[in-house]
Amino acid sequence: VIWTSSMIKLTFGGNSIGSEGIRIMTPFLRASGVRRLWMSGSPIGSEGFRLLINGLEGGNLAHLRLGDCGIEDVSCLDDCDIPNLTQLTLESNAIGNEGAMCVANNLLGSSSKLNRLCLKSCGIGDEGAQALSARLSTNTSLKHLDLLANKISIDGMKSFARALFNVRTQPRNRPSKTGPNHSLEELNLTRRWSITEKGHRILQFALAVNQEINCPRTKQ
């Protein structure tokens, strides 16, 4: 099994695999063609995350689910590249603002392929939200961003509104490299009751226009 190159999906969710288990798996991950790795609920911790990311660097992995894995430090992303990653789940890990900034800086660049990012319940505040929203001005791949159950206030919400709202200033179907984001279609930022009705309408309008830009209606 160590040398297989045909395995597509590997699921270890809810197991007791820790960092030592990840260390044992690393040679297999490097040699295999695994495209989807789901380990949510496994206590790999920050050290296991570091070993895992190092083992996956430069590989074909596209989907990575690591919800509730006891991860607090994701700074290893600064030194690794997972070029084909399209979906990442880190929900219920206490990565905080520093983790959000690290994810933004390393996984939401202009050449990123990431289209779905879940950072729900990660202890992220306004500083982390601002780092993520700032990346949206140059990112053209991300379509779904989940930030529910974090510590984001009205200030953090405003940073996303600025990144999304001024959509009519750019040509349709031709997003600017430095202008407002045109690709994000779903943003789960906070419970509706905790932001103003006007703020909710602004974000909903911007996302609706983005979807229209990305999926233009066929003319009859």
Protein backbone atom coordinates (compact mmCIF):
# COMPACT_ATOMS: atom_id res chain seq x y z
CA VAL A 1 0.00 0.00 0.00
CA ILE A 2 2.89 2.35 0.74
CA TRP A 3 3.77 2.56 -2.95
CA THR A 4 0.34 2.74 -4.51
CA SER A 5 -0.30 5.60 -6.91
CA SER A 6 -3.98 4.93 -7.58
CA MET A 7 -5.72 5.81 -4.29
CA ILE A 8 -7.97 8.86 -4.69
CA LYS A 9 -9.66 9.31 -1.30
CA LEU A 10 -8.50 8.53 2.22
CA THR A 11 -10.80 8.94 5.24
CA PHE A 12 -9.67 8.71 8.87
CA GLY A 13 -12.29 10.96 10.47
CA GLY A 14 -13.01 10.50 14.16
CA ASN A 15 -10.04 8.22 14.78
CA SER A 16 -7.42 8.48 17.52
CA ILE A 17 -4.59 9.13 15.08
CA GLY A 18 -2.19 11.66 16.57
CA SER A 19 1.00 13.28 15.38
CA GLU A 20 2.92 9.99 15.57
CA GLY A 21 0.34 8.39 13.29
CA ILE A 22 0.81 11.24 10.83
CA ARG A 23 4.57 10.68 10.95
CA ILE A 24 4.04 7.03 9.99
CA MET A 25 1.65 7.99 7.18
CA THR A 26 3.96 10.60 5.63
CA PRO A 27 5.89 8.24 3.28
CA PHE A 28 2.59 6.87 1.96
CA LEU A 29 1.16 10.33 1.39
CA ARG A 30 4.25 11.39 -0.53
CA ALA A 31 4.15 8.32 -2.78
CA SER A 32 0.41 8.02 -3.33
CA GLY A 33 -1.94 9.83 -5.66
CA VAL A 34 -4.38 10.74 -2.87
CA ARG A 35 -6.60 13.64 -3.94
CA ARG A 36 -8.95 13.79 -0.94
CA LEU A 37 -7.89 13.42 2.68
CA TRP A 38 -10.51 13.66 5.42
CA MET A 39 -9.30 13.50 9.03
CA SER A 40 -11.80 15.66 10.94
CA GLY A 41 -12.11 14.71 14.59
CA SER A 42 -8.64 13.14 14.80
CA PRO A 43 -6.37 14.70 17.48
CA ILE A 44 -3.35 15.36 15.28
CA GLY A 45 -2.61 18.75 16.88
CA SER A 46 -0.30 21.44 15.51
CA GLU A 47 2.67 19.07 15.20
CA GLY A 48 0.59 16.57 13.22
CA PHE A 49 -0.58 19.39 10.97
CA ARG A 50 3.02 20.42 10.32
CA LEU A 51 4.04 16.85 9.48
CA LEU A 52 1.01 16.44 7.25
CA ILE A 53 1.55 19.64 5.29
CA ASN A 54 5.23 18.83 4.83
CA GLY A 55 4.27 15.39 3.56
CA LEU A 56 1.76 16.81 1.10
CA GLU A 57 3.96 19.59 -0.26
CA GLY A 58 4.05 19.74 -4.05
CA GLY A 59 1.56 16.85 -4.36
CA ASN A 60 -1.82 16.38 -6.02
CA LEU A 61 -4.02 16.81 -2.93
CA ALA A 62 -7.18 18.77 -3.75
CA HIS A 63 -9.50 18.34 -0.74
CA LEU A 64 -8.29 18.48 2.88
CA ARG A 65 -10.66 18.25 5.85
CA LEU A 66 -9.16 18.77 9.30
CA GLY A 67 -12.06 20.00 11.41
CA ASP A 68 -11.71 19.70 15.21
CA CYS A 69 -8.19 18.30 15.16
CA GLY A 70 -6.69 20.31 18.01
CA ILE A 71 -4.69 22.52 15.65
CA GLU A 72 -3.60 25.92 16.98
CA ASP A 73 -0.54 26.75 14.87
CA VAL A 74 -0.64 26.71 11.05
CA SER A 75 2.55 28.72 10.48
CA CYS A 76 4.08 25.76 8.61
CA LEU A 77 2.08 27.00 5.62
CA ASP A 78 4.71 29.75 5.31
CA ASP A 79 7.27 27.18 4.16
CA CYS A 80 5.15 24.73 2.14
CA ASP A 81 3.29 24.74 -1.16
CA ILE A 82 0.21 22.63 -1.95
CA PRO A 83 -0.42 23.86 -5.50
CA ASN A 84 -3.51 21.81 -6.32
CA LEU A 85 -5.52 22.42 -3.14
CA THR A 86 -9.10 23.47 -3.97
CA GLN A 87 -10.98 22.78 -0.71
CA LEU A 88 -9.77 23.23 2.88
CA THR A 89 -11.69 22.73 6.13
CA LEU A 90 -10.11 23.85 9.41
CA GLU A 91 -13.27 24.49 11.42
CA SER A 92 -13.24 24.15 15.21
CA ASN A 93 -9.48 24.58 15.48
CA ALA A 94 -8.27 27.50 17.65
CA ILE A 95 -6.02 29.10 15.03
CA GLY A 96 -7.19 32.66 15.86
CA ASN A 97 -6.18 35.82 14.01
CA GLU A 98 -2.61 34.67 13.40
CA GLY A 99 -3.84 31.49 11.77
CA ALA A 100 -6.32 33.36 9.60
CA MET A 101 -3.59 35.73 8.45
CA CYS A 102 -1.31 32.79 7.67
CA VAL A 103 -4.03 31.10 5.62
CA ALA A 104 -4.77 34.35 3.79
CA ASN A 105 -1.13 35.03 2.97
CA ASN A 106 -0.31 31.51 1.79
CA LEU A 107 -3.49 30.06 0.32
CA LEU A 108 -5.39 33.05 -1.12
CA GLY A 109 -2.82 34.56 -3.45
CA SER A 110 -3.53 35.55 -7.04
CA SER A 111 -2.37 32.13 -8.30
CA SER A 112 -4.41 30.13 -5.77
CA LYS A 113 -6.76 27.34 -6.88
CA LEU A 114 -8.62 27.25 -3.55
CA ASN A 115 -12.38 27.64 -4.15
CA ARG A 116 -13.83 26.56 -0.80
CA LEU A 117 -12.49 27.54 2.63
CA CYS A 118 -14.13 26.70 5.96
CA LEU A 119 -12.77 28.49 9.04
CA LYS A 120 -15.90 28.21 11.16
CA SER A 121 -15.44 28.45 14.94
CA CYS A 122 -11.70 29.16 14.83
CA GLY A 123 -11.51 32.10 17.26
CA ILE A 124 -10.98 34.59 14.44
CA GLY A 125 -11.58 38.30 15.16
CA ASP A 126 -11.57 41.48 13.11
CA GLU A 127 -7.83 41.38 12.43
CA GLY A 128 -8.09 37.96 10.87
CA ALA A 129 -11.21 38.95 8.94
CA GLN A 130 -9.44 41.99 7.53
CA ALA A 131 -6.51 39.86 6.38
CA LEU A 132 -8.85 37.47 4.59
CA SER A 133 -10.95 40.21 3.00
CA ALA A 134 -7.83 42.06 1.82
CA ARG A 135 -6.82 39.01 -0.21
CA LEU A 136 -10.14 39.02 -2.03
CA SER A 137 -9.08 42.03 -4.10
CA THR A 138 -6.59 39.89 -6.04
CA ASN A 139 -7.98 36.38 -5.54
CA THR A 140 -10.15 35.03 -8.38
CA SER A 141 -10.63 31.39 -7.31
CA LEU A 142 -12.43 31.47 -3.94
CA LYS A 143 -16.19 31.00 -4.25
CA HIS A 144 -17.22 29.81 -0.76
CA LEU A 145 -15.93 31.21 2.54
CA ASP A 146 -17.37 30.07 5.89
CA LEU A 147 -16.51 32.17 8.96
CA LEU A 148 -19.52 31.42 11.16
CA ALA A 149 -19.17 31.27 14.95
CA ASN A 150 -16.07 33.47 15.15
CA LYS A 151 -15.43 36.78 16.96
CA ILE A 152 -15.96 39.08 13.98
CA SER A 153 -17.67 42.40 14.74
CA ILE A 154 -19.22 45.06 12.53
CA ASP A 155 -15.69 46.30 11.67
CA GLY A 156 -14.73 42.93 10.24
CA MET A 157 -17.98 42.81 8.30
CA LYS A 158 -17.23 46.23 6.80
CA SER A 159 -13.91 44.99 5.47
CA PHE A 160 -15.74 42.31 3.47
CA ALA A 161 -18.29 44.84 2.29
CA ARG A 162 -15.49 47.02 0.94
CA ALA A 163 -13.93 44.04 -0.83
CA LEU A 164 -17.23 43.03 -2.44
CA PHE A 165 -19.56 45.95 -2.86
CA ASN A 166 -18.11 48.24 -5.53
CA VAL A 167 -18.74 45.66 -8.23
CA ARG A 168 -20.18 48.00 -10.86
CA THR A 169 -16.90 49.86 -11.34
CA GLN A 170 -15.34 47.02 -13.37
CA PRO A 171 -16.32 45.54 -16.78
CA ARG A 172 -18.61 42.53 -16.55
CA ASN A 173 -16.95 39.13 -16.94
CA ARG A 174 -13.51 40.78 -16.73
CA PRO A 175 -12.53 41.19 -13.06
CA SER A 176 -9.84 43.73 -12.25
CA LYS A 177 -6.58 42.42 -10.80
CA THR A 178 -6.62 45.13 -8.16
CA GLY A 179 -10.29 46.03 -7.86
CA PRO A 180 -13.19 44.57 -5.86
CA ASN A 181 -13.68 40.82 -5.76
CA HIS A 182 -15.92 39.28 -8.44
CA SER A 183 -15.58 35.58 -7.71
CA LEU A 184 -16.92 35.00 -4.17
CA GLU A 185 -20.47 33.64 -4.29
CA GLU A 186 -21.11 32.50 -0.71
CA LEU A 187 -19.96 34.23 2.48
CA ASN A 188 -21.03 32.89 5.87
CA LEU A 189 -19.74 35.67 8.05
CA THR A 190 -21.92 35.84 11.13
CA ARG A 191 -25.46 35.30 12.31
CA ARG A 192 -27.78 37.71 10.58
CA TRP A 193 -29.08 39.16 13.81
CA SER A 194 -25.64 40.45 14.82
CA ILE A 195 -25.22 42.80 11.84
CA THR A 196 -27.53 45.54 10.66
CA GLU A 197 -30.23 44.87 8.09
CA LYS A 198 -28.52 47.34 5.77
CA GLY A 199 -25.19 45.57 6.15
CA HIS A 200 -26.81 42.24 5.39
CA ARG A 201 -28.44 43.68 2.24
CA ILE A 202 -25.12 45.14 1.03
CA LEU A 203 -23.32 41.82 1.32
CA GLN A 204 -26.19 39.87 -0.22
CA PHE A 205 -26.34 42.28 -3.17
CA ALA A 206 -22.60 42.03 -3.82
CA LEU A 207 -22.65 38.23 -3.73
CA ALA A 208 -25.68 38.12 -6.03
CA VAL A 209 -23.92 40.30 -8.60
CA ASN A 210 -20.82 38.11 -8.38
CA GLN A 211 -22.91 35.05 -9.18
CA GLU A 212 -24.48 36.85 -12.14
CA ILE A 213 -21.02 37.80 -13.43
CA ASN A 214 -19.71 34.25 -13.09
CA CYS A 215 -22.83 32.61 -14.49
CA PRO A 216 -24.23 34.99 -17.14
CA ARG A 217 -27.70 34.24 -18.42
CA THR A 218 -27.88 32.76 -21.89
CA LYS A 219 -29.48 35.10 -24.37
CA GLN A 220 -32.44 33.72 -26.25
